[in-house]
Amino acid sequence: MEPEEIAELRTMYIFSPPEGQSWGLTYEGLETLLRERDPEELIRIDDGSDGPVSGSSMHFGITLDDEELEGMALLYPEGVSVMDCTVHTAAAFAVWLSNNAVPTGVAVMFNTEWGLEAELSDTLVPEGPRPRIAAAFMEHLKDTGDLD
């Protein structure tokens, strides 16, 4: 598969703090950050009492690069994910998350739905501009296999 084709593949990207660390994530704090971007953004918090899986979750919308994305946040295990993303929109989200929701000095780890299926470990989101982050995401997708 050519690099341009890999860059357009869509999967869920999952972002979390390194094991043993915390971002101090709260639904209220994340909602405030999202509403600062767009006061009309879709935000729904489920208390976890009405389904087969216990625990709360936050579902949200976010627009990046003129594309509307859906995301989800969990307090335990702590993390934020965005669904149906290309490497470039995922990189834009990672930059926004790092600059706005993650405390200074705390790293951001990532994986993808495909990476989890391939049993890949979480990987550090590299520091730097979006193209460098997108390149790391492309390498990750290649590492999941079956892209021939």
N, C-alpha and C. Protein backbone atom coordinates (compact mmCIF):
# COMPACT_ATOMS: atom_id res chain seq x y z
N MET A 1 0.84 -1.18 0.00
CA MET A 1 0.00 0.00 0.00
C MET A 1 0.89 1.24 0.00
N GLU A 2 0.54 2.21 -0.81
CA GLU A 2 1.32 3.44 -0.93
C GLU A 2 1.11 4.34 0.29
N PRO A 3 2.10 5.18 0.64
CA PRO A 3 1.97 6.05 1.81
C PRO A 3 0.72 6.94 1.76
N GLU A 4 0.37 7.43 0.57
CA GLU A 4 -0.82 8.29 0.46
C GLU A 4 -2.09 7.52 0.83
N GLU A 5 -2.11 6.23 0.47
CA GLU A 5 -3.27 5.39 0.79
C GLU A 5 -3.33 5.10 2.29
N ILE A 6 -2.18 4.83 2.88
CA ILE A 6 -2.13 4.58 4.33
C ILE A 6 -2.59 5.81 5.08
N ALA A 7 -2.19 6.99 4.61
CA ALA A 7 -2.56 8.24 5.29
C ALA A 7 -4.07 8.47 5.30
N GLU A 8 -4.78 7.88 4.36
CA GLU A 8 -6.23 8.07 4.28
C GLU A 8 -7.03 6.99 4.99
N LEU A 9 -6.36 5.95 5.51
CA LEU A 9 -7.07 4.91 6.24
C LEU A 9 -7.68 5.49 7.51
N ARG A 10 -8.84 4.97 7.89
CA ARG A 10 -9.54 5.50 9.06
C ARG A 10 -9.69 4.41 10.13
N THR A 11 -9.33 4.80 11.35
CA THR A 11 -9.50 3.92 12.49
C THR A 11 -9.66 4.78 13.74
N MET A 12 -9.89 4.13 14.87
CA MET A 12 -10.00 4.84 16.14
C MET A 12 -8.61 4.98 16.74
N TYR A 13 -8.30 6.20 17.18
CA TYR A 13 -7.05 6.49 17.87
C TYR A 13 -7.36 6.69 19.34
N ILE A 14 -6.55 6.07 20.19
CA ILE A 14 -6.76 6.10 21.63
C ILE A 14 -5.54 6.78 22.27
N PHE A 15 -5.80 7.79 23.09
CA PHE A 15 -4.73 8.54 23.75
C PHE A 15 -4.87 8.40 25.25
N SER A 16 -3.74 8.19 25.93
CA SER A 16 -3.77 7.99 27.37
C SER A 16 -2.47 8.47 27.99
N PRO A 17 -2.48 8.68 29.31
CA PRO A 17 -1.22 9.01 29.97
C PRO A 17 -0.36 7.75 30.09
N PRO A 18 0.95 7.92 30.29
CA PRO A 18 1.81 6.75 30.51
C PRO A 18 1.35 6.00 31.77
N GLU A 19 1.60 4.71 31.78
CA GLU A 19 1.20 3.90 32.92
C GLU A 19 1.77 4.48 34.21
N GLY A 20 0.92 4.58 35.22
CA GLY A 20 1.33 5.12 36.51
C GLY A 20 1.24 6.63 36.61
N GLN A 21 0.88 7.30 35.52
CA GLN A 21 0.73 8.76 35.54
C GLN A 21 -0.73 9.11 35.26
N SER A 22 -1.06 10.38 35.48
CA SER A 22 -2.42 10.85 35.24
C SER A 22 -2.40 12.24 34.64
N TRP A 23 -3.41 12.50 33.83
CA TRP A 23 -3.61 13.85 33.32
C TRP A 23 -4.52 14.65 34.24
N GLY A 24 -5.11 13.99 35.22
CA GLY A 24 -6.10 14.67 36.06
C GLY A 24 -7.37 14.95 35.27
N LEU A 25 -7.68 14.08 34.32
CA LEU A 25 -8.82 14.26 33.43
C LEU A 25 -10.13 14.28 34.21
N THR A 26 -10.96 15.26 33.90
CA THR A 26 -12.34 15.30 34.41
C THR A 26 -13.24 15.59 33.23
N TYR A 27 -14.46 15.09 33.29
CA TYR A 27 -15.42 15.37 32.21
C TYR A 27 -15.72 16.86 32.15
N GLU A 28 -15.85 17.48 33.31
CA GLU A 28 -16.16 18.92 33.34
C GLU A 28 -15.05 19.73 32.71
N GLY A 29 -13.80 19.37 33.01
CA GLY A 29 -12.67 20.09 32.43
C GLY A 29 -12.59 19.91 30.92
N LEU A 30 -12.79 18.67 30.45
CA LEU A 30 -12.77 18.42 29.01
C LEU A 30 -13.93 19.12 28.32
N GLU A 31 -15.10 19.10 28.95
CA GLU A 31 -16.25 19.80 28.37
C GLU A 31 -15.97 21.29 28.23
N THR A 32 -15.36 21.89 29.23
CA THR A 32 -15.02 23.32 29.17
C THR A 32 -14.09 23.60 27.99
N LEU A 33 -13.07 22.77 27.81
CA LEU A 33 -12.13 22.95 26.71
C LEU A 33 -12.82 22.81 25.35
N LEU A 34 -13.70 21.83 25.24
CA LEU A 34 -14.42 21.63 23.98
C LEU A 34 -15.37 22.78 23.70
N ARG A 35 -16.05 23.28 24.73
CA ARG A 35 -17.00 24.39 24.55
C ARG A 35 -16.27 25.70 24.22
N GLU A 36 -15.03 25.84 24.67
CA GLU A 36 -14.24 27.01 24.29
C GLU A 36 -13.99 27.02 22.79
N ARG A 37 -13.82 25.84 22.22
CA ARG A 37 -13.63 25.72 20.76
C ARG A 37 -14.92 25.96 20.02
N ASP A 38 -16.02 25.37 20.53
CA ASP A 38 -17.32 25.46 19.87
C ASP A 38 -18.41 25.30 20.93
N PRO A 39 -19.09 26.38 21.28
CA PRO A 39 -20.13 26.32 22.32
C PRO A 39 -21.27 25.35 21.99
N GLU A 40 -21.44 25.01 20.73
CA GLU A 40 -22.53 24.13 20.31
C GLU A 40 -22.10 22.66 20.18
N GLU A 41 -20.89 22.35 20.61
CA GLU A 41 -20.35 21.00 20.43
C GLU A 41 -21.22 19.97 21.15
N LEU A 42 -21.37 18.81 20.51
CA LEU A 42 -22.09 17.69 21.10
C LEU A 42 -21.29 17.14 22.27
N ILE A 43 -21.93 17.07 23.44
CA ILE A 43 -21.30 16.49 24.62
C ILE A 43 -22.37 15.74 25.39
N ARG A 44 -22.07 14.47 25.70
CA ARG A 44 -23.00 13.66 26.48
C ARG A 44 -22.19 12.84 27.48
N ILE A 45 -22.62 12.88 28.73
CA ILE A 45 -21.96 12.11 29.77
C ILE A 45 -22.92 11.04 30.24
N ASP A 46 -22.49 9.79 30.14
CA ASP A 46 -23.28 8.65 30.59
C ASP A 46 -22.74 8.20 31.94
N ASP A 47 -23.66 7.97 32.88
CA ASP A 47 -23.21 7.58 34.21
C ASP A 47 -22.90 6.10 34.33
N GLY A 48 -23.16 5.32 33.28
CA GLY A 48 -22.81 3.91 33.28
C GLY A 48 -23.81 3.01 33.97
N SER A 49 -24.96 3.55 34.34
CA SER A 49 -25.92 2.73 35.09
C SER A 49 -26.94 2.04 34.20
N ASP A 50 -26.92 2.31 32.90
CA ASP A 50 -27.98 1.76 32.05
C ASP A 50 -27.49 0.76 31.00
N GLY A 51 -26.30 0.23 31.18
CA GLY A 51 -25.79 -0.70 30.17
C GLY A 51 -25.07 -1.87 30.80
N PRO A 52 -24.57 -2.75 29.95
CA PRO A 52 -23.89 -3.96 30.45
C PRO A 52 -22.50 -3.68 31.02
N VAL A 53 -21.91 -2.53 30.69
CA VAL A 53 -20.58 -2.19 31.17
C VAL A 53 -20.73 -1.10 32.23
N SER A 54 -20.16 -1.35 33.39
CA SER A 54 -20.28 -0.33 34.44
C SER A 54 -19.21 0.73 34.25
N GLY A 55 -19.47 1.90 34.77
CA GLY A 55 -18.53 3.01 34.68
C GLY A 55 -19.05 4.09 33.76
N SER A 56 -18.63 5.30 34.02
CA SER A 56 -19.11 6.44 33.24
C SER A 56 -18.25 6.65 32.00
N SER A 57 -18.82 7.39 31.06
CA SER A 57 -18.09 7.76 29.86
C SER A 57 -18.62 9.08 29.35
N MET A 58 -17.81 9.77 28.59
CA MET A 58 -18.18 11.04 27.98
C MET A 58 -18.04 10.89 26.48
N HIS A 59 -19.09 11.22 25.76
CA HIS A 59 -19.06 11.21 24.30
C HIS A 59 -19.09 12.66 23.84
N PHE A 60 -18.31 12.97 22.81
CA PHE A 60 -18.24 14.36 22.37
C PHE A 60 -17.98 14.43 20.87
N GLY A 61 -18.24 15.58 20.34
CA GLY A 61 -17.90 15.89 18.96
C GLY A 61 -16.81 16.95 18.96
N ILE A 62 -15.97 16.92 17.95
CA ILE A 62 -14.94 17.93 17.79
C ILE A 62 -14.67 18.09 16.29
N THR A 63 -14.54 19.33 15.86
CA THR A 63 -14.27 19.61 14.46
C THR A 63 -12.80 19.99 14.31
N LEU A 64 -12.11 19.24 13.46
CA LEU A 64 -10.69 19.50 13.16
C LEU A 64 -10.51 19.44 11.66
N ASP A 65 -9.80 20.41 11.12
CA ASP A 65 -9.56 20.46 9.67
C ASP A 65 -10.88 20.37 8.90
N ASP A 66 -11.90 21.06 9.38
CA ASP A 66 -13.23 21.09 8.76
C ASP A 66 -13.90 19.72 8.71
N GLU A 67 -13.46 18.81 9.57
CA GLU A 67 -14.07 17.48 9.64
C GLU A 67 -14.63 17.27 11.04
N GLU A 68 -15.90 16.85 11.09
CA GLU A 68 -16.53 16.57 12.38
C GLU A 68 -16.19 15.14 12.80
N LEU A 69 -15.62 15.03 14.00
CA LEU A 69 -15.22 13.74 14.54
C LEU A 69 -16.00 13.45 15.81
N GLU A 70 -16.14 12.17 16.11
CA GLU A 70 -16.74 11.75 17.37
C GLU A 70 -15.64 11.21 18.26
N GLY A 71 -15.77 11.51 19.54
CA GLY A 71 -14.78 11.04 20.49
C GLY A 71 -15.43 10.52 21.75
N MET A 72 -14.60 9.92 22.59
CA MET A 72 -15.07 9.40 23.86
C MET A 72 -13.95 9.55 24.88
N ALA A 73 -14.32 9.84 26.12
CA ALA A 73 -13.36 9.94 27.20
C ALA A 73 -13.78 9.02 28.33
N LEU A 74 -12.80 8.44 28.99
CA LEU A 74 -13.03 7.62 30.17
C LEU A 74 -12.13 8.14 31.29
N LEU A 75 -12.65 8.08 32.50
CA LEU A 75 -11.82 8.44 33.64
C LEU A 75 -11.01 7.25 34.14
N TYR A 76 -11.58 6.03 33.92
CA TYR A 76 -10.86 4.81 34.29
C TYR A 76 -11.17 3.72 33.30
N PRO A 77 -10.22 3.18 32.57
CA PRO A 77 -8.86 3.72 32.51
C PRO A 77 -8.86 5.09 31.84
N GLU A 78 -8.03 5.96 32.33
CA GLU A 78 -8.01 7.35 31.87
C GLU A 78 -7.55 7.44 30.43
N GLY A 79 -8.35 8.12 29.61
CA GLY A 79 -7.96 8.31 28.22
C GLY A 79 -9.05 8.94 27.40
N VAL A 80 -8.66 9.31 26.18
CA VAL A 80 -9.55 9.95 25.23
C VAL A 80 -9.33 9.29 23.88
N SER A 81 -10.41 9.03 23.17
CA SER A 81 -10.28 8.43 21.85
C SER A 81 -11.09 9.24 20.84
N VAL A 82 -10.66 9.16 19.59
CA VAL A 82 -11.41 9.74 18.48
C VAL A 82 -11.61 8.65 17.45
N MET A 83 -12.85 8.58 16.94
CA MET A 83 -13.21 7.52 16.02
C MET A 83 -13.00 7.93 14.58
N ASP A 84 -12.81 6.94 13.72
CA ASP A 84 -12.85 7.11 12.28
C ASP A 84 -11.95 8.25 11.81
N CYS A 85 -10.67 8.19 12.19
CA CYS A 85 -9.71 9.26 11.89
C CYS A 85 -8.65 8.81 10.91
N THR A 86 -8.21 9.75 10.09
CA THR A 86 -7.00 9.56 9.29
C THR A 86 -5.80 9.93 10.17
N VAL A 87 -4.60 9.62 9.71
CA VAL A 87 -3.41 9.96 10.49
C VAL A 87 -3.30 11.48 10.68
N HIS A 88 -3.74 12.25 9.69
CA HIS A 88 -3.60 13.70 9.79
C HIS A 88 -4.60 14.31 10.78
N THR A 89 -5.84 13.85 10.77
CA THR A 89 -6.80 14.39 11.75
C THR A 89 -6.47 13.88 13.14
N ALA A 90 -5.97 12.65 13.26
CA ALA A 90 -5.55 12.14 14.57
C ALA A 90 -4.37 12.97 15.10
N ALA A 91 -3.46 13.34 14.21
CA ALA A 91 -2.33 14.18 14.63
C ALA A 91 -2.81 15.55 15.08
N ALA A 92 -3.79 16.12 14.38
CA ALA A 92 -4.35 17.40 14.79
C ALA A 92 -4.99 17.28 16.17
N PHE A 93 -5.71 16.18 16.41
CA PHE A 93 -6.32 15.98 17.72
C PHE A 93 -5.25 15.81 18.79
N ALA A 94 -4.19 15.06 18.50
CA ALA A 94 -3.11 14.84 19.48
C ALA A 94 -2.46 16.17 19.86
N VAL A 95 -2.26 17.04 18.89
CA VAL A 95 -1.67 18.35 19.17
C VAL A 95 -2.62 19.16 20.05
N TRP A 96 -3.91 19.18 19.69
CA TRP A 96 -4.89 19.92 20.50
C TRP A 96 -4.93 19.37 21.92
N LEU A 97 -4.99 18.04 22.05
CA LEU A 97 -5.06 17.41 23.37
C LEU A 97 -3.83 17.76 24.20
N SER A 98 -2.65 17.63 23.60
CA SER A 98 -1.40 17.94 24.31
C SER A 98 -1.33 19.39 24.75
N ASN A 99 -1.76 20.29 23.87
CA ASN A 99 -1.67 21.72 24.17
C ASN A 99 -2.74 22.22 25.13
N ASN A 100 -3.85 21.48 25.26
CA ASN A 100 -4.97 22.00 26.03
C ASN A 100 -5.39 21.15 27.23
N ALA A 101 -5.33 19.85 27.14
CA ALA A 101 -5.89 18.99 28.19
C ALA A 101 -4.83 18.26 29.02
N VAL A 102 -3.65 18.14 28.51
CA VAL A 102 -2.60 17.38 29.19
C VAL A 102 -1.69 18.35 29.95
N PRO A 103 -1.45 18.07 31.23
CA PRO A 103 -0.56 18.96 31.99
C PRO A 103 0.85 19.00 31.40
N THR A 104 1.49 20.13 31.52
CA THR A 104 2.85 20.30 31.04
C THR A 104 3.76 19.26 31.68
N GLY A 105 4.58 18.63 30.87
CA GLY A 105 5.53 17.65 31.37
C GLY A 105 5.01 16.22 31.42
N VAL A 106 3.72 16.02 31.13
CA VAL A 106 3.17 14.67 31.12
C VAL A 106 3.03 14.23 29.67
N ALA A 107 3.49 13.05 29.38
CA ALA A 107 3.49 12.53 28.01
C ALA A 107 2.10 12.06 27.60
N VAL A 108 1.96 11.84 26.30
CA VAL A 108 0.74 11.27 25.73
C VAL A 108 1.14 9.99 25.01
N MET A 109 0.46 8.92 25.36
CA MET A 109 0.66 7.64 24.70
C MET A 109 -0.49 7.44 23.71
N PHE A 110 -0.26 6.60 22.69
CA PHE A 110 -1.34 6.33 21.75
C PHE A 110 -1.33 4.88 21.32
N ASN A 111 -2.47 4.47 20.84
CA ASN A 111 -2.64 3.20 20.16
C ASN A 111 -3.83 3.40 19.24
N THR A 112 -4.14 2.40 18.47
CA THR A 112 -5.31 2.45 17.60
C THR A 112 -6.13 1.18 17.81
N GLU A 113 -7.32 1.21 17.29
CA GLU A 113 -8.15 0.02 17.33
C GLU A 113 -7.41 -1.15 16.68
N TRP A 114 -6.78 -0.89 15.54
CA TRP A 114 -6.04 -1.92 14.83
C TRP A 114 -4.81 -2.37 15.63
N GLY A 115 -4.16 -1.42 16.29
CA GLY A 115 -3.01 -1.76 17.12
C GLY A 115 -3.39 -2.66 18.28
N LEU A 116 -4.53 -2.39 18.89
CA LEU A 116 -5.00 -3.25 19.98
C LEU A 116 -5.28 -4.66 19.46
N GLU A 117 -5.92 -4.73 18.29
CA GLU A 117 -6.22 -6.04 17.70
C GLU A 117 -4.94 -6.81 17.37
N ALA A 118 -3.88 -6.07 16.98
CA ALA A 118 -2.60 -6.70 16.65
C ALA A 118 -1.71 -6.87 17.89
N GLU A 119 -2.25 -6.52 19.06
CA GLU A 119 -1.56 -6.63 20.34
C GLU A 119 -0.29 -5.78 20.39
N LEU A 120 -0.34 -4.60 19.77
CA LEU A 120 0.77 -3.66 19.86
C LEU A 120 0.69 -2.89 21.17
N SER A 121 1.82 -2.58 21.73
CA SER A 121 1.86 -1.79 22.96
C SER A 121 1.57 -0.33 22.66
N ASP A 122 1.11 0.39 23.68
CA ASP A 122 0.94 1.83 23.54
C ASP A 122 2.30 2.45 23.23
N THR A 123 2.28 3.52 22.43
CA THR A 123 3.49 4.18 21.96
C THR A 123 3.43 5.65 22.32
N LEU A 124 4.56 6.23 22.62
CA LEU A 124 4.65 7.65 22.94
C LEU A 124 4.34 8.49 21.71
N VAL A 125 3.46 9.48 21.85
CA VAL A 125 3.24 10.46 20.78
C VAL A 125 4.48 11.34 20.76
N PRO A 126 5.17 11.42 19.62
CA PRO A 126 6.40 12.22 19.59
C PRO A 126 6.10 13.70 19.75
N GLU A 127 7.05 14.40 20.34
CA GLU A 127 6.93 15.85 20.40
C GLU A 127 7.28 16.39 19.03
N GLY A 128 6.68 17.53 18.70
CA GLY A 128 7.02 18.14 17.42
C GLY A 128 5.77 18.54 16.66
N PRO A 129 5.98 18.97 15.42
CA PRO A 129 4.87 19.44 14.61
C PRO A 129 3.99 18.28 14.13
N ARG A 130 2.80 18.65 13.65
CA ARG A 130 1.83 17.66 13.17
C ARG A 130 2.40 16.67 12.16
N PRO A 131 3.21 17.10 11.18
CA PRO A 131 3.72 16.11 10.21
C PRO A 131 4.55 15.01 10.88
N ARG A 132 5.31 15.36 11.90
CA ARG A 132 6.11 14.35 12.60
C ARG A 132 5.20 13.37 13.34
N ILE A 133 4.15 13.88 13.96
CA ILE A 133 3.20 13.02 14.67
C ILE A 133 2.46 12.13 13.67
N ALA A 134 2.02 12.71 12.56
CA ALA A 134 1.32 11.93 11.53
C ALA A 134 2.22 10.81 10.99
N ALA A 135 3.51 11.09 10.83
CA ALA A 135 4.44 10.07 10.35
C ALA A 135 4.55 8.92 11.36
N ALA A 136 4.55 9.24 12.64
CA ALA A 136 4.58 8.19 13.68
C ALA A 136 3.30 7.36 13.62
N PHE A 137 2.17 8.01 13.39
CA PHE A 137 0.91 7.28 13.28
C PHE A 137 0.91 6.37 12.06
N MET A 138 1.50 6.84 10.95
CA MET A 138 1.60 6.01 9.75
C MET A 138 2.46 4.78 10.01
N GLU A 139 3.56 4.95 10.69
CA GLU A 139 4.43 3.81 11.02
C GLU A 139 3.69 2.81 11.89
N HIS A 140 2.92 3.33 12.83
CA HIS A 140 2.11 2.46 13.69
C HIS A 140 1.13 1.64 12.84
N LEU A 141 0.45 2.29 11.90
CA LEU A 141 -0.50 1.56 11.06
C LEU A 141 0.20 0.48 10.25
N LYS A 142 1.40 0.77 9.76
CA LYS A 142 2.17 -0.24 9.03
C LYS A 142 2.49 -1.42 9.95
N ASP A 143 2.82 -1.11 11.20
CA ASP A 143 3.19 -2.16 12.17
C ASP A 143 2.02 -3.07 12.52
N THR A 144 0.79 -2.61 12.27
CA THR A 144 -0.37 -3.47 12.57
C THR A 144 -0.48 -4.61 11.58
N GLY A 145 0.16 -4.48 10.41
CA GLY A 145 0.15 -5.54 9.41
C GLY A 145 -1.04 -5.48 8.49
N ASP A 146 -1.06 -6.37 7.52
CA ASP A 146 -2.18 -6.52 6.58
C ASP A 146 -2.50 -5.26 5.79
N LEU A 147 -1.51 -4.43 5.47
CA LEU A 147 -1.76 -3.23 4.66
C LEU A 147 -1.27 -3.40 3.23
N ASP A 148 -0.90 -4.62 2.86
CA ASP A 148 -0.35 -4.84 1.50
C ASP A 148 -1.36 -4.63 0.43
